[in-house]
């Protein structure tokens, strides 16, 4: 508990993991609703578009979350380097 109150331990990477899974689920749901939604008829373009939404959303969510995690890894490594030099 002390680590949490004095910012020795970061909780944001755990939150980012949760947000990644939420973004992934939303990309799949959005893509499926685009593919099989109640539009003016099922067309091949809407099916391909839905697949692109799923793939692009999953890739975009992954890249965004990885970039955020990299920042926290850099912070962790800098703290280790600082502790070892003292």
Protein backbone atom coordinates (compact mmCIF):
# COMPACT_ATOMS: atom_id res chain seq x y z
CA UNK A 1 0.00 0.00 0.00
CA UNK A 2 2.93 2.33 0.73
CA UNK A 3 4.21 1.88 -2.85
CA UNK A 4 0.86 3.03 -4.16
CA UNK A 5 0.64 6.17 -2.02
CA UNK A 6 4.23 7.28 -2.62
CA UNK A 7 4.21 6.51 -6.37
CA UNK A 8 6.90 3.83 -6.11
CA UNK A 9 4.61 1.51 -8.04
CA UNK A 10 2.64 2.57 -11.11
CA UNK A 11 -0.96 1.43 -11.60
CA UNK A 12 -1.40 3.06 -15.01
CA UNK A 13 0.16 0.13 -16.95
CA UNK A 14 -2.51 -2.13 -15.47
CA UNK A 15 -5.18 0.36 -16.47
CA UNK A 16 -3.72 0.58 -19.98
CA UNK A 17 -4.00 -3.21 -20.31
CA UNK A 18 -7.68 -3.01 -19.34
CA UNK A 19 -8.25 -0.15 -21.79
CA UNK A 20 -6.56 -2.20 -24.54
CA UNK A 21 -9.05 -5.02 -24.06
CA UNK A 22 -11.96 -2.56 -24.08
CA UNK A 23 -10.69 -1.00 -27.32
CA UNK A 24 -10.24 -4.44 -28.87
CA UNK A 25 -13.79 -5.48 -27.99
CA UNK A 26 -15.16 -2.19 -29.31
CA UNK A 27 -13.26 -2.64 -32.60
CA UNK A 28 -14.71 -6.11 -33.06
CA UNK A 29 -18.25 -5.01 -32.18
CA UNK A 30 -17.99 -1.99 -34.49
CA UNK A 31 -16.70 -4.12 -37.34
CA UNK A 32 -19.36 -6.76 -36.89
CA UNK A 33 -22.13 -4.17 -36.70
CA UNK A 34 -20.80 -2.60 -39.90
CA UNK A 35 -20.66 -6.01 -41.61
CA UNK A 36 -24.04 -7.32 -40.54
CA UNK A 37 -25.90 -4.12 -39.64
CA UNK A 38 -29.33 -3.26 -40.87
CA UNK A 39 -28.27 -1.33 -43.93
CA UNK A 40 -30.02 -1.30 -47.30
CA UNK A 41 -28.78 -4.78 -48.07
CA UNK A 42 -25.75 -6.91 -47.47
CA UNK A 43 -23.06 -5.86 -49.87
CA UNK A 44 -19.56 -7.19 -50.31
CA UNK A 45 -18.15 -3.71 -49.67
CA UNK A 46 -19.69 -3.49 -46.22
CA UNK A 47 -18.30 -6.91 -45.34
CA UNK A 48 -14.79 -5.93 -46.43
CA UNK A 49 -15.20 -2.56 -44.71
CA UNK A 50 -16.15 -4.34 -41.49
CA UNK A 51 -13.09 -6.54 -41.71
CA UNK A 52 -10.95 -3.44 -42.24
CA UNK A 53 -12.53 -1.78 -39.19
CA UNK A 54 -11.76 -4.85 -37.06
CA UNK A 55 -8.17 -5.14 -38.31
CA UNK A 56 -7.45 -1.40 -38.21
CA UNK A 57 -9.05 -0.96 -34.81
CA UNK A 58 -7.15 -3.88 -33.31
CA UNK A 59 -3.86 -2.70 -34.79
CA UNK A 60 -4.44 0.92 -33.79
CA UNK A 61 -5.37 -0.02 -30.22
CA UNK A 62 -2.32 -2.23 -29.90
CA UNK A 63 0.11 0.40 -31.22
CA UNK A 64 -1.38 3.16 -29.05
CA UNK A 65 -1.24 1.05 -25.89
CA UNK A 66 2.28 -0.18 -26.64
CA UNK A 67 3.50 3.40 -27.05
CA UNK A 68 2.08 4.28 -23.66
CA UNK A 69 3.62 1.21 -22.03
CA UNK A 70 7.01 2.10 -23.56
CA UNK A 71 6.93 5.39 -21.66
CA UNK A 72 6.45 3.54 -18.39
CA UNK A 73 9.21 1.06 -19.24
CA UNK A 74 11.57 3.96 -19.92
CA UNK A 75 10.65 5.44 -16.54
CA UNK A 76 11.27 2.10 -14.83
CA UNK A 77 14.66 1.66 -16.48
CA UNK A 78 15.69 5.22 -15.61
CA UNK A 79 14.76 4.60 -11.97
CA UNK A 80 16.87 1.42 -11.94
CA UNK A 81 19.78 3.29 -13.50
CA UNK A 82 19.46 6.09 -10.99
CA UNK A 83 19.32 3.66 -8.04
CA UNK A 84 22.35 1.73 -9.25
CA UNK A 85 24.48 4.86 -9.63
CA UNK A 86 23.95 6.00 -6.05
